[in-house]
């Protein structure tokens, strides 16, 4: 009986020791987890501090660059942390000597108020891809070589796509001067297409020929104004055709919707620079508006 009692006591003692060892192991694990948590917290705090210091450095650099060229309006009221690097790159681009000659065409505001750069590489890729619809629209125009105005219009649509591709393919960080030339070339391509469309709408009209001859020299210097004036004339002709042909009014309504959307995207991208793909939307909606306009103007094609 004494031996049995001793064995039970020994088993209880061993059980207590085992439980104590397990408790110590759990305590060690908790201590290790606490150390890891403290280390992670310290690392996160350090990263947060480094991020804050980098943002402050970016902001100081941005203020220095913007102040050096006297364009304080380029600095947003609240610098978005997500796009801080974008604003630094934009301000650096504006500080280049060539940018003082790179003004956006009259009537659309100076360059420092417009979006000069893409937010990220994918926006550049999408802008390049969305140049393709202009070639597709041009391919839909079936021109007779003997019909010189329509042939010129088809070539002008292809020229719009080429100019847009050139502009978006140029890196603003590496070649700011070439980027500025490409920007003006892009606008000039649109002005050339609208000028050619005026000749198509008024074949044989000496007034139209005179208007085109007078406005053509202004295309490189005031492309937006030139495109706008010819565009108003095109819309007036389109409206006359829609009034005369009620069956075309659905196409006309879709054209006006796409055109208004394109103009909205074109102007909003300079107000909300943090929203990507607005310029790509302008490409697609603009090409769609031209295609719908062509279907009304050339119903037999």
Protein backbone atom coordinates (compact mmCIF):
# COMPACT_ATOMS: atom_id res chain seq x y z
CA UNK A 1 0.00 0.00 0.00
CA UNK A 2 2.88 2.34 0.88
CA UNK A 3 4.54 1.51 -2.44
CA UNK A 4 1.31 2.24 -4.36
CA UNK A 5 0.87 5.54 -2.56
CA UNK A 6 4.47 6.50 -3.33
CA UNK A 7 3.93 5.74 -7.03
CA UNK A 8 0.78 7.88 -7.12
CA UNK A 9 2.58 10.73 -5.41
CA UNK A 10 5.46 10.39 -7.85
CA UNK A 11 3.07 10.42 -10.84
CA UNK A 12 1.32 13.50 -9.50
CA UNK A 13 4.66 15.19 -8.95
CA UNK A 14 5.77 14.36 -12.52
CA UNK A 15 2.42 15.59 -13.85
CA UNK A 16 2.85 18.86 -11.99
CA UNK A 17 6.38 19.25 -13.34
CA UNK A 18 5.13 18.58 -16.89
CA UNK A 19 2.35 21.11 -16.52
CA UNK A 20 4.85 23.62 -15.18
CA UNK A 21 7.14 22.96 -18.16
CA UNK A 22 4.25 23.44 -20.59
CA UNK A 23 3.29 26.65 -18.85
CA UNK A 24 6.90 27.86 -19.11
CA UNK A 25 6.94 26.97 -22.83
CA UNK A 26 3.74 28.92 -23.37
CA UNK A 27 5.17 31.83 -21.43
CA UNK A 28 8.31 31.72 -23.59
CA UNK A 29 6.15 31.70 -26.73
CA UNK A 30 4.13 34.64 -25.47
CA UNK A 31 7.32 36.49 -24.62
CA UNK A 32 8.72 35.72 -28.10
CA UNK A 33 5.48 36.86 -29.76
CA UNK A 34 5.55 40.04 -27.72
CA UNK A 35 9.14 40.71 -28.80
CA UNK A 36 8.24 40.08 -32.45
CA UNK A 37 5.22 42.36 -32.15
CA UNK A 38 7.34 45.09 -30.59
CA UNK A 39 9.98 44.68 -33.32
CA UNK A 40 7.30 44.83 -36.04
CA UNK A 41 5.70 47.85 -34.42
CA UNK A 42 9.06 49.55 -34.20
CA UNK A 43 9.75 48.73 -37.86
CA UNK A 44 6.36 50.06 -38.93
CA UNK A 45 6.93 53.23 -36.94
CA UNK A 46 10.32 53.64 -38.59
CA UNK A 47 8.84 53.08 -42.06
CA UNK A 48 6.07 55.58 -41.32
CA UNK A 49 8.65 58.10 -40.17
CA UNK A 50 10.77 57.50 -43.30
CA UNK A 51 7.69 57.87 -45.52
CA UNK A 52 6.75 61.12 -43.81
CA UNK A 53 10.28 62.45 -44.22
CA UNK A 54 10.29 61.48 -47.92
CA UNK A 55 6.97 63.26 -48.47
CA UNK A 56 8.25 66.34 -46.68
CA UNK A 57 11.38 66.26 -48.86
CA UNK A 58 9.20 65.92 -51.99
CA UNK A 59 7.06 68.83 -50.88
CA UNK A 60 10.15 71.00 -50.22
CA UNK A 61 11.55 70.06 -53.62
CA UNK A 62 8.23 70.80 -55.29
CA UNK A 63 7.97 74.21 -53.63
CA UNK A 64 11.57 74.97 -54.61
CA UNK A 65 11.05 73.99 -58.23
CA UNK A 66 7.70 75.74 -58.55
CA UNK A 67 9.01 78.84 -56.84
CA UNK A 68 12.06 78.94 -59.11
CA UNK A 69 9.91 79.30 -62.22
CA UNK A 70 7.33 81.55 -60.60
CA UNK A 71 4.42 79.18 -61.12
CA UNK A 72 3.01 78.78 -57.64
CA UNK A 73 -0.40 77.95 -59.11
CA UNK A 74 0.94 74.54 -60.11
CA UNK A 75 1.11 73.57 -56.43
CA UNK A 76 -2.15 71.92 -55.28
CA UNK A 77 -3.84 73.07 -52.10
CA UNK A 78 -3.35 69.64 -50.51
CA UNK A 79 -0.58 67.50 -51.92
CA UNK A 80 -2.01 63.96 -52.41
CA UNK A 81 0.42 61.52 -50.83
CA UNK A 82 -0.43 58.90 -53.45
CA UNK A 83 0.65 61.17 -56.32
CA UNK A 84 3.31 63.30 -54.64
CA UNK A 85 5.96 62.01 -57.03
CA UNK A 86 3.77 62.95 -60.00
CA UNK A 87 3.57 66.59 -58.92
CA UNK A 88 7.34 66.71 -58.39
CA UNK A 89 7.90 65.32 -61.90
CA UNK A 90 5.37 67.75 -63.37
CA UNK A 91 6.94 70.74 -61.64
CA UNK A 92 10.40 69.60 -62.77
CA UNK A 93 9.09 69.29 -66.33
CA UNK A 94 7.64 72.79 -66.17
CA UNK A 95 10.98 74.12 -64.91
CA UNK A 96 12.81 73.03 -68.08
CA UNK A 97 13.89 75.93 -70.33
CA UNK A 98 11.80 74.60 -73.23
CA UNK A 99 8.56 74.71 -71.22
CA UNK A 100 8.38 78.51 -71.29
CA UNK A 101 7.75 78.26 -75.03
CA UNK A 102 5.38 75.30 -74.62
CA UNK A 103 2.15 77.10 -73.98
CA UNK A 104 -1.10 75.35 -74.64
CA UNK A 105 -2.82 76.98 -77.65
CA UNK A 106 -4.67 80.22 -76.94
CA UNK A 107 -8.08 79.81 -75.35
CA UNK A 108 -7.15 76.65 -73.40
CA UNK A 109 -4.92 78.10 -70.69
CA UNK A 110 -1.15 77.90 -70.10
CA UNK A 111 0.79 74.68 -69.84
CA UNK A 112 1.17 74.72 -66.05
CA UNK A 113 -2.63 74.43 -65.72
CA UNK A 114 -2.84 71.38 -67.99
CA UNK A 115 -1.85 67.80 -67.35
CA UNK A 116 1.67 67.35 -68.73
CA UNK A 117 2.53 63.83 -67.63
CA UNK A 118 0.93 60.41 -67.19
CA UNK A 119 0.37 59.15 -63.65
CA UNK A 120 1.91 55.73 -64.28
CA UNK A 121 3.25 53.56 -67.17
CA UNK A 122 -0.10 51.86 -67.75
CA UNK A 123 -1.75 55.21 -68.46
CA UNK A 124 0.85 55.81 -71.17
CA UNK A 125 0.23 52.35 -72.65
CA UNK A 126 -3.54 52.87 -72.67
CA UNK A 127 -3.11 56.30 -74.29
CA UNK A 128 -1.05 54.68 -77.04
CA UNK A 129 -3.53 51.83 -77.55
CA UNK A 130 -6.49 54.21 -77.79
CA UNK A 131 -4.86 55.99 -80.75
CA UNK A 132 -5.80 52.97 -82.89
CA UNK A 133 -9.52 53.91 -83.25
CA UNK A 134 -8.53 56.91 -85.39
CA UNK A 135 -6.95 54.59 -87.95
CA UNK A 136 -10.06 52.40 -87.81
CA UNK A 137 -12.32 55.41 -88.45
CA UNK A 138 -10.11 56.51 -91.35
CA UNK A 139 -10.27 53.01 -92.82
CA UNK A 140 -14.09 53.22 -92.84
CA UNK A 141 -13.96 56.25 -95.15
CA UNK A 142 -14.07 54.87 -98.69
CA UNK A 143 -12.63 57.62 -100.82
CA UNK A 144 -12.32 57.82 -104.59
CA UNK A 145 -8.85 58.98 -105.73
CA UNK A 146 -10.67 61.42 -107.99
CA UNK A 147 -12.47 62.92 -104.98
CA UNK A 148 -9.60 64.99 -103.60
CA UNK A 149 -11.43 66.54 -100.58
CA UNK A 150 -12.56 63.12 -99.29
CA UNK A 151 -9.11 61.62 -99.91
CA UNK A 152 -7.54 64.52 -98.01
CA UNK A 153 -10.00 63.95 -95.15
CA UNK A 154 -9.13 60.26 -94.95
CA UNK A 155 -5.40 61.05 -94.91
CA UNK A 156 -6.00 63.70 -92.24
CA UNK A 157 -7.73 61.15 -89.97
CA UNK A 158 -4.72 58.85 -90.32
CA UNK A 159 -2.51 61.85 -89.57
CA UNK A 160 -4.45 62.43 -86.32
CA UNK A 161 -3.63 58.86 -85.21
CA UNK A 162 0.04 59.23 -86.16
CA UNK A 163 0.43 62.57 -84.33
CA UNK A 164 -1.25 61.17 -81.23
CA UNK A 165 1.01 58.11 -81.25
CA UNK A 166 4.11 60.28 -81.58
CA UNK A 167 3.03 62.56 -78.74
CA UNK A 168 2.27 59.76 -76.29
CA UNK A 169 5.37 57.76 -77.23
CA UNK A 170 7.73 60.58 -76.20
CA UNK A 171 8.91 60.45 -72.60
CA UNK A 172 8.40 63.84 -70.92
CA UNK A 173 11.10 63.10 -68.35
CA UNK A 174 13.78 62.29 -70.94
CA UNK A 175 12.77 64.62 -73.79
CA UNK A 176 10.68 67.55 -72.51
CA UNK A 177 11.41 69.63 -75.61
CA UNK A 178 10.30 66.84 -77.98
CA UNK A 179 7.26 66.27 -75.77
CA UNK A 180 6.24 69.90 -76.25
CA UNK A 181 6.65 69.62 -80.02
CA UNK A 182 4.60 66.40 -79.99
CA UNK A 183 1.87 68.13 -77.99
CA UNK A 184 1.55 70.89 -80.56
CA UNK A 185 1.70 68.30 -83.36
CA UNK A 186 -1.15 66.37 -81.72
CA UNK A 187 -3.39 69.44 -81.65
CA UNK A 188 -2.39 70.36 -85.20
CA UNK A 189 -3.47 66.92 -86.45
CA UNK A 190 -7.00 67.45 -85.12
CA UNK A 191 -7.13 70.93 -86.69
CA UNK A 192 -6.00 69.49 -90.03
CA UNK A 193 -8.78 66.88 -89.98
CA UNK A 194 -11.51 69.45 -89.25
CA UNK A 195 -10.14 71.73 -91.98
CA UNK A 196 -10.25 68.86 -94.48
CA UNK A 197 -13.83 68.05 -93.43
CA UNK A 198 -14.85 71.63 -94.29
CA UNK A 199 -13.68 71.03 -97.85
CA UNK A 200 -15.68 67.77 -97.98
CA UNK A 201 -18.89 69.46 -96.78
CA UNK A 202 -18.59 72.36 -99.23
CA UNK A 203 -17.23 70.84 -102.43
CA UNK A 204 -16.85 73.41 -105.15
CA UNK A 205 -17.58 76.33 -102.82
CA UNK A 206 -15.18 79.21 -103.30
CA UNK A 207 -16.08 80.53 -99.83
CA UNK A 208 -15.07 77.24 -98.22
CA UNK A 209 -11.82 77.18 -100.19
CA UNK A 210 -11.07 80.72 -99.06
CA UNK A 211 -11.85 79.85 -95.43
CA UNK A 212 -9.54 76.83 -95.59
CA UNK A 213 -6.79 78.87 -97.26
CA UNK A 214 -7.06 81.57 -94.58
CA UNK A 215 -7.12 79.18 -91.62
CA UNK A 216 -4.46 76.70 -92.80
CA UNK A 217 -1.48 78.95 -91.85
CA UNK A 218 -2.85 79.20 -88.29
CA UNK A 219 -2.96 75.43 -87.73
CA UNK A 220 0.58 75.14 -86.23
CA UNK A 221 0.13 78.23 -84.05
CA UNK A 222 -3.55 78.16 -83.01
CA UNK A 223 -4.71 74.58 -83.65
CA UNK A 224 -7.43 74.56 -80.99
CA UNK A 225 -9.04 77.75 -82.26
CA UNK A 226 -8.79 76.55 -85.87
CA UNK A 227 -10.30 73.15 -85.01
CA UNK A 228 -13.04 74.81 -82.96
CA UNK A 229 -14.13 77.17 -85.73
CA UNK A 230 -14.17 74.46 -88.39
CA UNK A 231 -15.86 72.12 -85.92
CA UNK A 232 -18.73 74.58 -85.45
CA UNK A 233 -19.19 74.69 -89.21
CA UNK A 234 -19.20 70.88 -89.39
CA UNK A 235 -21.80 70.65 -86.63
CA UNK A 236 -24.01 73.18 -88.45
CA UNK A 237 -23.92 71.08 -91.63
CA UNK A 238 -24.58 67.94 -89.58
CA UNK A 239 -27.59 69.56 -87.92
CA UNK A 240 -29.03 70.50 -91.33
CA UNK A 241 -28.69 66.89 -92.49
CA UNK A 242 -30.38 65.61 -89.33
CA UNK A 243 -33.30 68.01 -89.80
CA UNK A 244 -33.68 66.90 -93.42
CA UNK A 245 -33.35 63.18 -92.57
CA UNK A 246 -35.32 62.22 -89.44
CA UNK A 247 -34.17 58.57 -89.70
CA UNK A 248 -30.63 59.75 -88.97
CA UNK A 249 -31.51 61.49 -85.72
CA UNK A 250 -30.58 58.53 -83.50
CA UNK A 251 -27.10 58.55 -85.01
CA UNK A 252 -26.99 62.30 -84.51
CA UNK A 253 -27.99 62.02 -80.86
CA UNK A 254 -25.29 59.38 -80.29
CA UNK A 255 -22.77 61.64 -82.05
CA UNK A 256 -23.60 64.60 -79.82
CA UNK A 257 -23.46 62.45 -76.68
CA UNK A 258 -20.05 61.05 -77.62
CA UNK A 259 -18.80 64.51 -78.62
CA UNK A 260 -19.89 66.13 -75.36
CA UNK A 261 -18.33 63.28 -73.40
CA UNK A 262 -15.06 63.69 -75.30
CA UNK A 263 -14.95 67.45 -74.66
CA UNK A 264 -15.74 66.86 -70.97
CA UNK A 265 -12.90 64.33 -70.61
CA UNK A 266 -10.51 66.64 -72.49
CA UNK A 267 -11.14 69.50 -70.06
CA UNK A 268 -11.65 67.52 -66.84
CA UNK A 269 -8.23 65.86 -67.06
CA UNK A 270 -6.67 69.28 -66.40
CA UNK A 271 -8.88 69.82 -63.35
CA UNK A 272 -8.68 66.34 -61.82
CA UNK A 273 -5.12 65.34 -62.65
CA UNK A 274 -5.18 62.44 -60.18
CA UNK A 275 -7.84 60.56 -62.22
CA UNK A 276 -6.13 58.32 -64.78
CA UNK A 277 -7.38 57.34 -68.24
CA UNK A 278 -9.38 60.52 -68.83
CA UNK A 279 -7.23 61.28 -71.87
CA UNK A 280 -7.74 57.73 -73.16
CA UNK A 281 -11.49 58.25 -72.75
CA UNK A 282 -11.16 61.43 -74.81
CA UNK A 283 -9.45 59.38 -77.54
CA UNK A 284 -12.19 56.73 -77.67
CA UNK A 285 -15.16 59.11 -77.40
CA UNK A 286 -13.62 61.51 -79.93
CA UNK A 287 -13.07 58.72 -82.47
CA UNK A 288 -16.63 57.46 -81.87
CA UNK A 289 -18.07 60.95 -82.41
CA UNK A 290 -16.14 61.29 -85.71
CA UNK A 291 -17.31 57.84 -86.86
CA UNK A 292 -20.97 58.64 -86.12
CA UNK A 293 -20.62 61.99 -87.85
CA UNK A 294 -19.20 60.25 -90.92
CA UNK A 295 -22.15 57.84 -90.99
CA UNK A 296 -24.53 60.81 -91.13
CA UNK A 297 -22.43 62.75 -93.63
CA UNK A 298 -21.71 59.76 -95.90
CA UNK A 299 -24.74 57.45 -95.54
CA UNK A 300 -23.90 55.46 -98.68
CA UNK A 301 -20.55 54.28 -97.30
